[in-house]
PDB file of N, CA and C in Angstrom:
ATOM      1  N   UNK A   1     -42.093 -35.174  -8.552  1.00  0.00           N
ATOM      2  CA  UNK A   1     -42.630 -36.308  -8.785  1.00  0.00           C
ATOM      3  C   UNK A   1     -41.841 -37.555  -8.107  1.00  0.00           C
ATOM      4  N   UNK A   2     -43.087 -38.249  -7.574  1.00  0.00           N
ATOM      5  CA  UNK A   2     -42.606 -39.295  -6.505  1.00  0.00           C
ATOM      6  C   UNK A   2     -42.384 -40.433  -7.775  1.00  0.00           C
ATOM      7  N   UNK A   3     -41.268 -41.244  -7.250  1.00  0.00           N
ATOM      8  CA  UNK A   3     -40.976 -42.474  -7.849  1.00  0.00           C
ATOM      9  C   UNK A   3     -41.480 -42.849  -9.064  1.00  0.00           C
ATOM     10  N   UNK A   4     -40.900 -42.257  -9.957  1.00  0.00           N
ATOM     11  CA  UNK A   4     -41.069 -42.177 -11.369  1.00  0.00           C
ATOM     12  C   UNK A   4     -40.325 -43.322 -11.623  1.00  0.00           C
ATOM     13  N   UNK A   5     -41.103 -44.436 -12.675  1.00  0.00           N
ATOM     14  CA  UNK A   5     -40.921 -45.613 -12.938  1.00  0.00           C
ATOM     15  C   UNK A   5     -40.179 -45.505 -14.453  1.00  0.00           C
ATOM     16  N   UNK A   6     -39.008 -45.458 -14.506  1.00  0.00           N
ATOM     17  CA  UNK A   6     -38.375 -45.183 -16.082  1.00  0.00           C
ATOM     18  C   UNK A   6     -38.759 -46.237 -16.796  1.00  0.00           C
ATOM     19  N   UNK A   7     -38.262 -47.627 -16.264  1.00  0.00           N
ATOM     20  CA  UNK A   7     -38.069 -48.801 -16.991  1.00  0.00           C
ATOM     21  C   UNK A   7     -39.961 -48.859 -17.783  1.00  0.00           C
ATOM     22  N   UNK A   8     -40.739 -48.359 -16.906  1.00  0.00           N
ATOM     23  CA  UNK A   8     -41.909 -48.675 -17.399  1.00  0.00           C
ATOM     24  C   UNK A   8     -42.349 -47.461 -18.523  1.00  0.00           C
ATOM     25  N   UNK A   9     -41.669 -46.332 -18.278  1.00  0.00           N
ATOM     26  CA  UNK A   9     -41.657 -45.190 -19.257  1.00  0.00           C
ATOM     27  C   UNK A   9     -41.174 -45.429 -20.569  1.00  0.00           C
ATOM     28  N   UNK A  10     -39.984 -46.178 -20.466  1.00  0.00           N
ATOM     29  CA  UNK A  10     -39.171 -46.597 -21.611  1.00  0.00           C
ATOM     30  C   UNK A  10     -39.959 -47.666 -22.677  1.00  0.00           C
ATOM     31  N   UNK A  11     -40.462 -48.691 -21.728  1.00  0.00           N
ATOM     32  CA  UNK A  11     -41.322 -49.670 -22.448  1.00  0.00           C
ATOM     33  C   UNK A  11     -42.592 -48.907 -23.117  1.00  0.00           C
ATOM     34  N   UNK A  12     -43.372 -48.268 -22.289  1.00  0.00           N
ATOM     35  CA  UNK A  12     -44.661 -47.633 -22.897  1.00  0.00           C
ATOM     36  C   UNK A  12     -43.907 -46.910 -24.182  1.00  0.00           C
ATOM     37  N   UNK A  13     -43.101 -46.148 -23.919  1.00  0.00           N
ATOM     38  CA  UNK A  13     -42.397 -44.970 -25.288  1.00  0.00           C
ATOM     39  C   UNK A  13     -42.395 -45.979 -26.381  1.00  0.00           C
ATOM     40  N   UNK A  14     -41.758 -47.118 -26.257  1.00  0.00           N
ATOM     41  CA  UNK A  14     -41.460 -47.894 -27.301  1.00  0.00           C
ATOM     42  C   UNK A  14     -42.727 -48.679 -27.966  1.00  0.00           C
ATOM     43  N   UNK A  15     -43.364 -49.218 -27.143  1.00  0.00           N
ATOM     44  CA  UNK A  15     -45.011 -49.596 -27.783  1.00  0.00           C
ATOM     45  C   UNK A  15     -45.298 -48.248 -28.627  1.00  0.00           C
ATOM     46  N   UNK A  16     -45.637 -47.096 -28.016  1.00  0.00           N
ATOM     47  CA  UNK A  16     -46.299 -45.787 -28.547  1.00  0.00           C
ATOM     48  C   UNK A  16     -45.635 -45.677 -29.777  1.00  0.00           C
ATOM     49  N   UNK A  17     -44.468 -45.958 -30.014  1.00  0.00           N
ATOM     50  CA  UNK A  17     -43.611 -45.413 -31.299  1.00  0.00           C
ATOM     51  C   UNK A  17     -44.002 -46.410 -32.144  1.00  0.00           C
ATOM     52  N   UNK A  18     -44.127 -47.647 -31.747  1.00  0.00           N
ATOM     53  CA  UNK A  18     -44.561 -48.706 -32.722  1.00  0.00           C
ATOM     54  C   UNK A  18     -46.168 -48.544 -33.151  1.00  0.00           C
ATOM     55  N   UNK A  19     -46.921 -48.211 -32.301  1.00  0.00           N
ATOM     56  CA  UNK A  19     -48.328 -48.011 -32.571  1.00  0.00           C
ATOM     57  C   UNK A  19     -48.463 -46.660 -33.449  1.00  0.00           C
ATOM     58  N   UNK A  20     -47.570 -45.526 -33.303  1.00  0.00           N
ATOM     59  CA  UNK A  20     -47.635 -44.383 -34.146  1.00  0.00           C
ATOM     60  C   UNK A  20     -47.061 -44.854 -35.698  1.00  0.00           C
ATOM     61  N   UNK A  21     -45.901 -45.771 -35.615  1.00  0.00           N
ATOM     62  CA  UNK A  21     -45.637 -46.244 -36.971  1.00  0.00           C
ATOM     63  C   UNK A  21     -46.957 -47.179 -37.802  1.00  0.00           C
ATOM     64  N   UNK A  22     -47.280 -47.914 -37.045  1.00  0.00           N
ATOM     65  CA  UNK A  22     -48.445 -48.519 -37.929  1.00  0.00           C
ATOM     66  C   UNK A  22     -49.646 -47.605 -38.089  1.00  0.00           C
ATOM     67  N   UNK A  23     -49.917 -46.802 -37.205  1.00  0.00           N
ATOM     68  CA  UNK A  23     -51.147 -46.050 -37.856  1.00  0.00           C
ATOM     69  C   UNK A  23     -50.593 -44.986 -38.776  1.00  0.00           C
ATOM     70  N   UNK A  24     -49.566 -44.632 -38.900  1.00  0.00           N
ATOM     71  CA  UNK A  24     -48.802 -43.710 -39.873  1.00  0.00           C
ATOM     72  C   UNK A  24     -48.854 -44.348 -41.331  1.00  0.00           C
ATOM     73  N   UNK A  25     -48.397 -45.696 -41.047  1.00  0.00           N
ATOM     74  CA  UNK A  25     -48.043 -46.495 -42.267  1.00  0.00           C
ATOM     75  C   UNK A  25     -49.719 -46.776 -42.825  1.00  0.00           C
ATOM     76  N   UNK A  26     -50.800 -47.086 -42.096  1.00  0.00           N
ATOM     77  CA  UNK A  26     -51.867 -47.201 -42.762  1.00  0.00           C
ATOM     78  C   UNK A  26     -52.892 -45.948 -43.384  1.00  0.00           C
ATOM     79  N   UNK A  27     -52.403 -44.936 -42.343  1.00  0.00           N
ATOM     80  CA  UNK A  27     -52.959 -43.621 -43.011  1.00  0.00           C
ATOM     81  C   UNK A  27     -52.424 -43.165 -44.282  1.00  0.00           C
ATOM     82  N   UNK A  28     -51.156 -43.563 -44.566  1.00  0.00           N
ATOM     83  CA  UNK A  28     -50.547 -43.347 -45.599  1.00  0.00           C
ATOM     84  C   UNK A  28     -51.421 -44.164 -46.791  1.00  0.00           C
ATOM     85  N   UNK A  29     -51.337 -45.391 -46.600  1.00  0.00           N
ATOM     86  CA  UNK A  29     -51.940 -46.370 -47.537  1.00  0.00           C
ATOM     87  C   UNK A  29     -53.273 -45.867 -47.810  1.00  0.00           C
ATOM     88  N   UNK A  30     -54.086 -45.667 -46.917  1.00  0.00           N
ATOM     89  CA  UNK A  30     -55.445 -44.916 -47.371  1.00  0.00           C
ATOM     90  C   UNK A  30     -55.539 -43.678 -48.092  1.00  0.00           C
ATOM     91  N   UNK A  31     -54.484 -42.974 -47.954  1.00  0.00           N
ATOM     92  CA  UNK A  31     -54.228 -41.574 -48.507  1.00  0.00           C
ATOM     93  C   UNK A  31     -53.862 -42.025 -50.056  1.00  0.00           C
ATOM     94  N   UNK A  32     -53.281 -42.854 -50.344  1.00  0.00           N
ATOM     95  CA  UNK A  32     -52.676 -43.549 -51.648  1.00  0.00           C
ATOM     96  C   UNK A  32     -53.863 -44.568 -52.158  1.00  0.00           C
ATOM     97  N   UNK A  33     -54.986 -44.762 -51.450  1.00  0.00           N
ATOM     98  CA  UNK A  33     -56.040 -45.696 -51.888  1.00  0.00           C
ATOM     99  C   UNK A  33     -55.703 -47.242 -51.988  1.00  0.00           C
ATOM    100  N   UNK A  34     -54.810 -47.622 -51.318  1.00  0.00           N
ATOM    101  CA  UNK A  34     -54.579 -49.063 -51.276  1.00  0.00           C
ATOM    102  C   UNK A  34     -54.833 -49.640 -49.606  1.00  0.00           C
ATOM    103  N   UNK A  35     -55.691 -49.164 -49.185  1.00  0.00           N
ATOM    104  CA  UNK A  35     -56.009 -49.643 -48.035  1.00  0.00           C
ATOM    105  C   UNK A  35     -57.487 -51.036 -47.777  1.00  0.00           C
ATOM    106  N   UNK A  36     -58.358 -50.829 -48.861  1.00  0.00           N
ATOM    107  CA  UNK A  36     -59.336 -51.532 -48.934  1.00  0.00           C
ATOM    108  C   UNK A  36     -60.407 -51.088 -47.898  1.00  0.00           C
ATOM    109  N   UNK A  37     -61.212 -52.204 -47.435  1.00  0.00           N
ATOM    110  CA  UNK A  37     -62.463 -51.832 -46.683  1.00  0.00           C
ATOM    111  C   UNK A  37     -62.018 -52.799 -45.345  1.00  0.00           C
ATOM    112  N   UNK A  38     -61.199 -53.181 -45.126  1.00  0.00           N
ATOM    113  CA  UNK A  38     -61.051 -53.773 -43.991  1.00  0.00           C
ATOM    114  C   UNK A  38     -61.126 -52.944 -42.541  1.00  0.00           C
ATOM    115  N   UNK A  39     -61.559 -53.677 -41.625  1.00  0.00           N
ATOM    116  CA  UNK A  39     -61.874 -52.980 -40.522  1.00  0.00           C
ATOM    117  C   UNK A  39     -60.599 -52.275 -39.361  1.00  0.00           C
ATOM    118  N   UNK A  40     -59.718 -53.414 -39.346  1.00  0.00           N
ATOM    119  CA  UNK A  40     -58.502 -52.933 -38.536  1.00  0.00           C
ATOM    120  C   UNK A  40     -57.432 -52.286 -39.368  1.00  0.00           C
ATOM    121  N   UNK A  41     -57.482 -52.193 -40.572  1.00  0.00           N
ATOM    122  CA  UNK A  41     -56.500 -51.384 -41.333  1.00  0.00           C
ATOM    123  C   UNK A  41     -57.348 -50.068 -41.147  1.00  0.00           C
ATOM    124  N   UNK A  42     -58.532 -49.708 -41.468  1.00  0.00           N
ATOM    125  CA  UNK A  42     -59.132 -48.423 -41.232  1.00  0.00           C
ATOM    126  C   UNK A  42     -59.470 -47.939 -39.893  1.00  0.00           C
ATOM    127  N   UNK A  43     -59.162 -48.840 -39.149  1.00  0.00           N
ATOM    128  CA  UNK A  43     -59.314 -48.291 -37.620  1.00  0.00           C
ATOM    129  C   UNK A  43     -57.897 -47.788 -37.417  1.00  0.00           C
ATOM    130  N   UNK A  44     -56.562 -48.677 -37.741  1.00  0.00           N
ATOM    131  CA  UNK A  44     -55.402 -47.841 -37.358  1.00  0.00           C
ATOM    132  C   UNK A  44     -55.237 -46.596 -38.061  1.00  0.00           C
ATOM    133  N   UNK A  45     -55.572 -46.510 -39.644  1.00  0.00           N
ATOM    134  CA  UNK A  45     -55.483 -45.234 -40.176  1.00  0.00           C
ATOM    135  C   UNK A  45     -56.196 -44.066 -39.417  1.00  0.00           C
ATOM    136  N   UNK A  46     -57.601 -44.469 -38.814  1.00  0.00           N
ATOM    137  CA  UNK A  46     -58.346 -43.296 -38.155  1.00  0.00           C
ATOM    138  C   UNK A  46     -57.314 -42.967 -36.700  1.00  0.00           C
ATOM    139  N   UNK A  47     -56.813 -44.039 -36.079  1.00  0.00           N
ATOM    140  CA  UNK A  47     -55.858 -43.751 -34.965  1.00  0.00           C
ATOM    141  C   UNK A  47     -54.692 -43.035 -34.987  1.00  0.00           C
ATOM    142  N   UNK A  48     -54.596 -42.626 -36.480  1.00  0.00           N
ATOM    143  CA  UNK A  48     -53.105 -41.995 -36.726  1.00  0.00           C
ATOM    144  C   UNK A  48     -53.500 -40.281 -36.175  1.00  0.00           C
ATOM    145  N   UNK A  49     -54.906 -39.794 -36.340  1.00  0.00           N
ATOM    146  CA  UNK A  49     -55.535 -38.433 -35.766  1.00  0.00           C
ATOM    147  C   UNK A  49     -55.035 -38.505 -34.422  1.00  0.00           C
ATOM    148  N   UNK A  50     -55.134 -39.806 -33.426  1.00  0.00           N
ATOM    149  CA  UNK A  50     -55.284 -39.507 -32.209  1.00  0.00           C
ATOM    150  C   UNK A  50     -53.662 -39.662 -31.901  1.00  0.00           C
ATOM    151  N   UNK A  51     -52.847 -40.254 -32.386  1.00  0.00           N
ATOM    152  CA  UNK A  51     -51.359 -40.417 -32.279  1.00  0.00           C
ATOM    153  C   UNK A  51     -50.563 -38.883 -32.642  1.00  0.00           C
ATOM    154  N   UNK A  52     -51.193 -38.289 -33.509  1.00  0.00           N
ATOM    155  CA  UNK A  52     -50.520 -37.025 -34.026  1.00  0.00           C
ATOM    156  C   UNK A  52     -51.045 -35.692 -32.947  1.00  0.00           C
ATOM    157  N   UNK A  53     -51.766 -35.941 -32.265  1.00  0.00           N
ATOM    158  CA  UNK A  53     -52.306 -35.039 -31.249  1.00  0.00           C
ATOM    159  C   UNK A  53     -51.245 -35.059 -30.076  1.00  0.00           C
ATOM    160  N   UNK A  54     -50.697 -33.952 -29.670  1.00  0.00           N
ATOM    161  CA  UNK A  54     -51.083 -32.578 -29.794  1.00  0.00           C
ATOM    162  C   UNK A  54     -50.269 -31.647 -30.915  1.00  0.00           C
ATOM    163  N   UNK A  55     -48.834 -32.441 -31.216  1.00  0.00           N
ATOM    164  CA  UNK A  55     -48.044 -31.419 -31.832  1.00  0.00           C
ATOM    165  C   UNK A  55     -48.559 -31.294 -33.285  1.00  0.00           C
ATOM    166  N   UNK A  56     -49.101 -32.079 -33.956  1.00  0.00           N
ATOM    167  CA  UNK A  56     -49.387 -31.867 -35.273  1.00  0.00           C
ATOM    168  C   UNK A  56     -50.665 -30.901 -35.491  1.00  0.00           C
ATOM    169  N   UNK A  57     -51.503 -30.946 -34.332  1.00  0.00           N
ATOM    170  CA  UNK A  57     -52.478 -29.919 -34.292  1.00  0.00           C
ATOM    171  C   UNK A  57     -52.163 -28.944 -33.902  1.00  0.00           C
ATOM    172  N   UNK A  58     -51.477 -28.309 -32.933  1.00  0.00           N
ATOM    173  CA  UNK A  58     -51.266 -27.104 -32.397  1.00  0.00           C
ATOM    174  C   UNK A  58     -50.191 -26.527 -33.355  1.00  0.00           C
ATOM    175  N   UNK A  59     -48.994 -27.453 -33.767  1.00  0.00           N
ATOM    176  CA  UNK A  59     -48.051 -26.710 -34.367  1.00  0.00           C
ATOM    177  C   UNK A  59     -48.205 -27.070 -35.823  1.00  0.00           C
ATOM    178  N   UNK A  60     -49.247 -26.804 -36.726  1.00  0.00           N
ATOM    179  CA  UNK A  60     -49.513 -27.382 -38.119  1.00  0.00           C
ATOM    180  C   UNK A  60     -48.050 -26.589 -39.329  1.00  0.00           C
ATOM    181  N   UNK A  61     -47.827 -25.735 -39.027  1.00  0.00           N
ATOM    182  CA  UNK A  61     -46.727 -24.890 -39.972  1.00  0.00           C
ATOM    183  C   UNK A  61     -45.618 -25.654 -39.528  1.00  0.00           C
ATOM    184  N   UNK A  62     -45.367 -26.089 -38.323  1.00  0.00           N
ATOM    185  CA  UNK A  62     -43.877 -26.502 -38.008  1.00  0.00           C
ATOM    186  C   UNK A  62     -43.676 -27.770 -38.471  1.00  0.00           C
ATOM    187  N   UNK A  63     -44.968 -28.485 -38.265  1.00  0.00           N
ATOM    188  CA  UNK A  63     -44.796 -29.962 -38.877  1.00  0.00           C
ATOM    189  C   UNK A  63     -44.957 -30.362 -40.203  1.00  0.00           C
ATOM    190  N   UNK A  64     -44.762 -29.285 -41.210  1.00  0.00           N
ATOM    191  CA  UNK A  64     -44.694 -29.641 -42.624  1.00  0.00           C
ATOM    192  C   UNK A  64     -43.009 -30.372 -42.921  1.00  0.00           C
ATOM    193  N   UNK A  65     -42.252 -30.108 -42.360  1.00  0.00           N
ATOM    194  CA  UNK A  65     -40.729 -30.390 -42.547  1.00  0.00           C
ATOM    195  C   UNK A  65     -40.756 -31.842 -42.168  1.00  0.00           C
ATOM    196  N   UNK A  66     -40.547 -32.704 -43.047  1.00  0.00           N
ATOM    197  CA  UNK A  66     -40.208 -34.344 -42.451  1.00  0.00           C
ATOM    198  C   UNK A  66     -39.670 -34.476 -41.231  1.00  0.00           C
ATOM    199  N   UNK A  67     -38.573 -33.867 -40.987  1.00  0.00           N
ATOM    200  CA  UNK A  67     -37.842 -33.978 -39.787  1.00  0.00           C
ATOM    201  C   UNK A  67     -38.630 -33.648 -38.628  1.00  0.00           C
ATOM    202  N   UNK A  68     -39.438 -32.449 -38.684  1.00  0.00           N
ATOM    203  CA  UNK A  68     -40.056 -31.839 -37.632  1.00  0.00           C
ATOM    204  C   UNK A  68     -41.336 -32.870 -37.517  1.00  0.00           C
ATOM    205  N   UNK A  69     -41.659 -33.045 -38.525  1.00  0.00           N
ATOM    206  CA  UNK A  69     -42.986 -34.428 -38.542  1.00  0.00           C
ATOM    207  C   UNK A  69     -42.815 -35.605 -37.597  1.00  0.00           C
ATOM    208  N   UNK A  70     -41.518 -36.030 -37.760  1.00  0.00           N
ATOM    209  CA  UNK A  70     -41.166 -37.158 -37.068  1.00  0.00           C
ATOM    210  C   UNK A  70     -40.672 -36.756 -35.419  1.00  0.00           C
ATOM    211  N   UNK A  71     -39.955 -35.727 -35.216  1.00  0.00           N
ATOM    212  CA  UNK A  71     -40.060 -35.308 -33.922  1.00  0.00           C
ATOM    213  C   UNK A  71     -41.002 -35.125 -33.098  1.00  0.00           C
ATOM    214  N   UNK A  72     -42.166 -34.675 -33.805  1.00  0.00           N
ATOM    215  CA  UNK A  72     -43.371 -34.381 -33.368  1.00  0.00           C
ATOM    216  C   UNK A  72     -43.958 -35.463 -32.920  1.00  0.00           C
ATOM    217  N   UNK A  73     -43.979 -36.463 -33.598  1.00  0.00           N
ATOM    218  CA  UNK A  73     -44.425 -37.943 -33.240  1.00  0.00           C
ATOM    219  C   UNK A  73     -43.760 -38.763 -32.111  1.00  0.00           C
ATOM    220  N   UNK A  74     -42.496 -38.257 -32.280  1.00  0.00           N
ATOM    221  CA  UNK A  74     -41.581 -38.799 -31.081  1.00  0.00           C
ATOM    222  C   UNK A  74     -42.058 -38.285 -29.485  1.00  0.00           C
ATOM    223  N   UNK A  75     -42.354 -36.561 -30.048  1.00  0.00           N
ATOM    224  CA  UNK A  75     -42.720 -36.020 -28.533  1.00  0.00           C
ATOM    225  C   UNK A  75     -44.179 -36.434 -28.195  1.00  0.00           C
ATOM    226  N   UNK A  76     -44.794 -36.830 -29.242  1.00  0.00           N
ATOM    227  CA  UNK A  76     -46.238 -37.085 -28.753  1.00  0.00           C
ATOM    228  C   UNK A  76     -46.505 -38.581 -27.831  1.00  0.00           C
ATOM    229  N   UNK A  77     -45.322 -39.474 -28.456  1.00  0.00           N
ATOM    230  CA  UNK A  77     -45.092 -40.816 -27.972  1.00  0.00           C
ATOM    231  C   UNK A  77     -44.812 -40.482 -26.396  1.00  0.00           C
ATOM    232  N   UNK A  78     -43.479 -39.626 -26.267  1.00  0.00           N
ATOM    233  CA  UNK A  78     -43.069 -39.510 -24.926  1.00  0.00           C
ATOM    234  C   UNK A  78     -44.024 -38.936 -24.014  1.00  0.00           C
ATOM    235  N   UNK A  79     -44.928 -38.184 -24.566  1.00  0.00           N
ATOM    236  CA  UNK A  79     -45.852 -37.543 -23.831  1.00  0.00           C
ATOM    237  C   UNK A  79     -46.873 -38.409 -23.465  1.00  0.00           C
ATOM    238  N   UNK A  80     -47.454 -39.138 -24.061  1.00  0.00           N
ATOM    239  CA  UNK A  80     -48.372 -40.232 -23.883  1.00  0.00           C
ATOM    240  C   UNK A  80     -47.726 -41.417 -23.126  1.00  0.00           C
ATOM    241  N   UNK A  81     -46.712 -41.662 -23.074  1.00  0.00           N
ATOM    242  CA  UNK A  81     -45.761 -42.769 -22.053  1.00  0.00           C
ATOM    243  C   UNK A  81     -45.820 -42.172 -20.542  1.00  0.00           C
ATOM    244  N   UNK A  82     -45.566 -40.887 -20.782  1.00  0.00           N
ATOM    245  CA  UNK A  82     -45.417 -39.962 -19.493  1.00  0.00           C
ATOM    246  C   UNK A  82     -46.704 -39.986 -18.768  1.00  0.00           C
ATOM    247  N   UNK A  83     -47.643 -39.570 -19.516  1.00  0.00           N
ATOM    248  CA  UNK A  83     -49.071 -39.686 -18.890  1.00  0.00           C
ATOM    249  C   UNK A  83     -49.795 -41.097 -18.663  1.00  0.00           C
ATOM    250  N   UNK A  84     -49.375 -42.169 -19.388  1.00  0.00           N
ATOM    251  CA  UNK A  84     -49.947 -43.299 -18.829  1.00  0.00           C
ATOM    252  C   UNK A  84     -48.748 -43.902 -17.573  1.00  0.00           C
ATOM    253  N   UNK A  85     -47.704 -43.593 -17.471  1.00  0.00           N
ATOM    254  CA  UNK A  85     -47.064 -43.749 -16.179  1.00  0.00           C
ATOM    255  C   UNK A  85     -47.499 -43.149 -14.999  1.00  0.00           C
ATOM    256  N   UNK A  86     -47.738 -41.757 -15.072  1.00  0.00           N
ATOM    257  CA  UNK A  86     -48.337 -41.224 -14.057  1.00  0.00           C
ATOM    258  C   UNK A  86     -49.592 -41.823 -13.436  1.00  0.00           C
ATOM    259  N   UNK A  87     -50.442 -42.052 -14.649  1.00  0.00           N
ATOM    260  CA  UNK A  87     -51.870 -42.827 -14.072  1.00  0.00           C
ATOM    261  C   UNK A  87     -51.541 -44.152 -13.633  1.00  0.00           C
ATOM    262  N   UNK A  88     -50.830 -44.881 -14.019  1.00  0.00           N
ATOM    263  CA  UNK A  88     -50.692 -46.001 -13.407  1.00  0.00           C
ATOM    264  C   UNK A  88     -49.715 -46.126 -11.846  1.00  0.00           C
ATOM    265  N   UNK A  89     -49.190 -44.980 -11.872  1.00  0.00           N
ATOM    266  CA  UNK A  89     -48.614 -44.636 -10.609  1.00  0.00           C
ATOM    267  C   UNK A  89     -49.508 -44.324  -9.630  1.00  0.00           C
ATOM    268  N   UNK A  90     -50.720 -43.488  -9.892  1.00  0.00           N
ATOM    269  CA  UNK A  90     -51.736 -42.780  -8.978  1.00  0.00           C
ATOM    270  C   UNK A  90     -52.507 -44.169  -8.884  1.00  0.00           C
ATOM    271  N   UNK A  91     -52.903 -44.998  -9.752  1.00  0.00           N
ATOM    272  CA  UNK A  91     -53.913 -46.248  -9.615  1.00  0.00           C
ATOM    273  C   UNK A  91     -53.257 -47.337  -8.286  1.00  0.00           C
ATOM    274  N   UNK A  92     -51.758 -47.578  -8.690  1.00  0.00           N
ATOM    275  CA  UNK A  92     -51.136 -48.657  -8.142  1.00  0.00           C
ATOM    276  C   UNK A  92     -50.134 -48.032  -7.444  1.00  0.00           C
ATOM    277  N   UNK A  93     -50.038 -47.310  -6.248  1.00  0.00           N
ATOM    278  CA  UNK A  93     -49.082 -46.588  -5.423  1.00  0.00           C
ATOM    279  C   UNK A  93     -48.778 -47.644  -4.387  1.00  0.00           C
ATOM    280  N   UNK A  94     -47.460 -47.803  -4.254  1.00  0.00           N
ATOM    281  CA  UNK A  94     -47.149 -48.397  -2.460  1.00  0.00           C
ATOM    282  C   UNK A  94     -48.216 -48.152  -1.473  1.00  0.00           C
ATOM    283  N   UNK A  95     -48.476 -48.940  -0.462  1.00  0.00           N
ATOM    284  CA  UNK A  95     -49.244 -48.877   0.726  1.00  0.00           C
ATOM    285  C   UNK A  95     -48.380 -48.073   1.476  1.00  0.00           C
ATOM    286  N   UNK A  96     -49.337 -47.110   2.101  1.00  0.00           N
ATOM    287  CA  UNK A  96     -48.387 -46.303   3.264  1.00  0.00           C
ATOM    288  C   UNK A  96     -48.344 -45.174   2.714  1.00  0.00           C
ATOM    289  N   UNK A  97     -48.364 -45.038   1.578  1.00  0.00           N
ATOM    290  CA  UNK A  97     -48.029 -43.420   0.849  1.00  0.00           C
ATOM    291  C   UNK A  97     -49.195 -42.936   0.663  1.00  0.00           C
ATOM    292  N   UNK A  98     -49.387 -41.888   1.387  1.00  0.00           N
ATOM    293  CA  UNK A  98     -50.873 -41.307   1.177  1.00  0.00           C
ATOM    294  C   UNK A  98     -50.198 -39.757   0.439  1.00  0.00           C
ATOM    295  N   UNK A  99     -51.543 -38.985   0.204  1.00  0.00           N
ATOM    296  CA  UNK A  99     -51.370 -37.841  -0.693  1.00  0.00           C
ATOM    297  C   UNK A  99     -51.251 -36.784   0.141  1.00  0.00           C
ATOM    298  N   UNK A 100     -49.773 -36.394   0.298  1.00  0.00           N
ATOM    299  CA  UNK A 100     -49.310 -35.287   1.097  1.00  0.00           C
ATOM    300  C   UNK A 100     -49.610 -33.816   0.269  1.00  0.00           C
ATOM    301  N   UNK A 101     -50.124 -33.893  -0.906  1.00  0.00           N
ATOM    302  CA  UNK A 101     -50.358 -32.609  -1.415  1.00  0.00           C
ATOM    303  C   UNK A 101     -51.364 -31.558  -0.808  1.00  0.00           C
TER     304      UNK A 101
END
């Protein structure tokens, strides 16, 4: 991996964790019947399905324990941050650095 930007990775990981928390909170509120019909809150509740992929989809039995559920969300946030960091690297890479693969 060429020039991994760890600062960007950490910032995006924190942002993704915040989004995961918000989407989880809204999904829980909808399950409890307290969300109403607002677009933003329902959109966030629907986004929880994206935030819980892939660990909760692929490891359903493993994520039933609350600690494992939280760890799965953390792993997803780190995975999404890594993917975004790599995408950004390939879009904005330093001039003169060519593909040598």
